[in-house]
Amino acid sequence: RGRVVLLGDAAHTMTAHIAQGAAMAIEDAVVLTEELKGQDSVAEALAAYNERRYERVATLVQLSQQICECERTNVNTDKIPGLMMQANKIAAEPI
C-alpha cells in the first residue's frame, strides 16, 4: 500500500553476464537517497531518480541481454569481448 520504489533486480533484472545486478541495486539506493534529500517533494525526488538512473541501467540491461543471446545461440560470439568492454566502461562511470 502507498508508494513503492523498486530497486535493483526487482526494477531492472540483468543476466549474470556482466555481474552488475548487485552493483546497480547499491547505486539505486545511493541515488534515491540523494534525490530524496535534495528535492522538495517525494514526487520530484522520484522523477529525478528515474531521470538519473534510466539510461545507464537500460544500456547495461541491453548489453547483458546481447551477451547472453550471443552465448545462447553461439552466434556473433566474437562480439562478446567488445560488449563486455562497453558494459565495464559504463559501470565504471560516476553515478
Protein backbone atom coordinates (compact mmCIF):
# COMPACT_ATOMS: atom_id res chain seq x y z
CA ARG A 1 0.00 0.00 0.00
CA GLY A 2 1.12 3.51 -0.62
CA ARG A 3 4.23 4.41 -2.53
CA VAL A 4 6.65 1.73 -3.58
CA VAL A 5 10.00 2.08 -5.32
CA LEU A 6 11.61 -0.89 -6.97
CA LEU A 7 15.39 -1.09 -6.85
CA GLY A 8 18.00 -3.42 -8.24
CA ASP A 9 16.89 -6.65 -9.90
CA ALA A 10 13.27 -6.02 -8.94
CA ALA A 11 13.31 -2.98 -11.23
CA HIS A 12 15.79 -3.98 -13.92
CA THR A 13 16.79 -7.60 -13.98
CA MET A 14 20.05 -8.32 -15.76
CA THR A 15 21.60 -11.57 -16.79
CA ALA A 16 24.68 -12.52 -14.80
CA HIS A 17 26.90 -11.97 -17.83
CA ILE A 18 28.14 -8.53 -16.76
CA ALA A 19 27.93 -9.10 -12.99
CA GLN A 20 26.18 -5.78 -12.30
CA GLY A 21 22.93 -6.78 -10.58
CA ALA A 22 24.05 -6.10 -7.00
CA ALA A 23 26.09 -3.06 -8.02
CA MET A 24 23.07 -1.49 -9.70
CA ALA A 25 20.95 -2.12 -6.59
CA ILE A 26 23.52 -0.28 -4.47
CA GLU A 27 23.69 2.57 -6.97
CA ASP A 28 19.88 2.76 -7.00
CA ALA A 29 19.83 3.10 -3.22
CA VAL A 30 22.52 5.80 -3.24
CA VAL A 31 20.83 7.83 -5.98
CA LEU A 32 17.38 7.52 -4.41
CA THR A 33 18.75 8.70 -1.07
CA GLU A 34 20.48 11.66 -2.70
CA GLU A 35 17.34 12.66 -4.54
CA LEU A 36 15.08 12.30 -1.50
CA LYS A 37 17.46 14.57 0.42
CA GLY A 38 17.82 17.11 -2.38
CA GLN A 39 14.28 17.57 -3.69
CA ASP A 40 11.34 19.46 -2.23
CA SER A 41 8.85 16.62 -2.60
CA VAL A 42 8.79 12.85 -2.92
CA ALA A 43 7.29 13.17 -6.40
CA GLU A 44 10.17 15.42 -7.51
CA ALA A 45 12.69 13.05 -5.93
CA LEU A 46 11.24 10.04 -7.72
CA ALA A 47 11.22 11.86 -11.06
CA ALA A 48 14.84 12.95 -10.56
CA TYR A 49 15.79 9.40 -9.52
CA ASN A 50 14.24 7.99 -12.70
CA GLU A 51 15.96 10.62 -14.83
CA ARG A 52 19.37 9.81 -13.36
CA ARG A 53 19.05 6.04 -13.50
CA TYR A 54 17.10 5.16 -16.63
CA GLU A 55 19.65 5.46 -19.46
CA ARG A 56 22.56 3.90 -17.56
CA VAL A 57 20.58 0.92 -16.33
CA ALA A 58 18.72 0.38 -19.62
CA THR A 59 22.01 0.29 -21.50
CA LEU A 60 23.52 -2.25 -19.10
CA VAL A 61 20.41 -4.44 -19.25
CA GLN A 62 20.55 -4.35 -23.05
CA LEU A 63 24.26 -5.23 -23.12
CA SER A 64 23.75 -8.15 -20.73
CA GLN A 65 20.94 -9.46 -22.93
CA GLN A 66 23.07 -9.15 -26.08
CA ILE A 67 25.92 -11.10 -24.48
CA CYS A 68 23.50 -13.75 -23.27
CA GLU A 69 21.98 -14.07 -26.75
CA CYS A 70 25.42 -14.47 -28.36
CA GLU A 71 26.28 -17.23 -25.91
CA ARG A 72 22.88 -18.90 -26.10
CA THR A 73 22.82 -19.07 -29.89
CA ASN A 74 26.58 -19.40 -30.39
CA VAL A 75 26.28 -16.60 -32.98
CA ASN A 76 28.44 -13.46 -33.03
CA THR A 77 30.49 -14.72 -30.09
CA ASP A 78 33.38 -12.64 -31.43
CA LYS A 79 31.39 -9.55 -30.34
CA ILE A 80 31.27 -10.59 -26.68
CA PRO A 81 34.61 -9.01 -25.64
CA GLY A 82 33.57 -5.65 -27.13
CA LEU A 83 30.17 -5.82 -25.44
CA MET A 84 31.87 -6.64 -22.13
CA MET A 85 34.23 -3.69 -22.57
CA GLN A 86 31.25 -1.39 -23.22
CA ALA A 87 29.50 -2.66 -20.08
CA ASN A 88 32.62 -2.26 -17.96
CA LYS A 89 33.16 1.29 -19.24
CA ILE A 90 29.59 2.29 -18.38
CA ALA A 91 29.76 0.61 -14.97
CA ALA A 92 32.97 2.50 -14.17
CA GLU A 93 31.43 5.90 -14.89
CA PRO A 94 30.33 8.01 -11.93
CA ILE A 95 26.69 7.83 -10.95
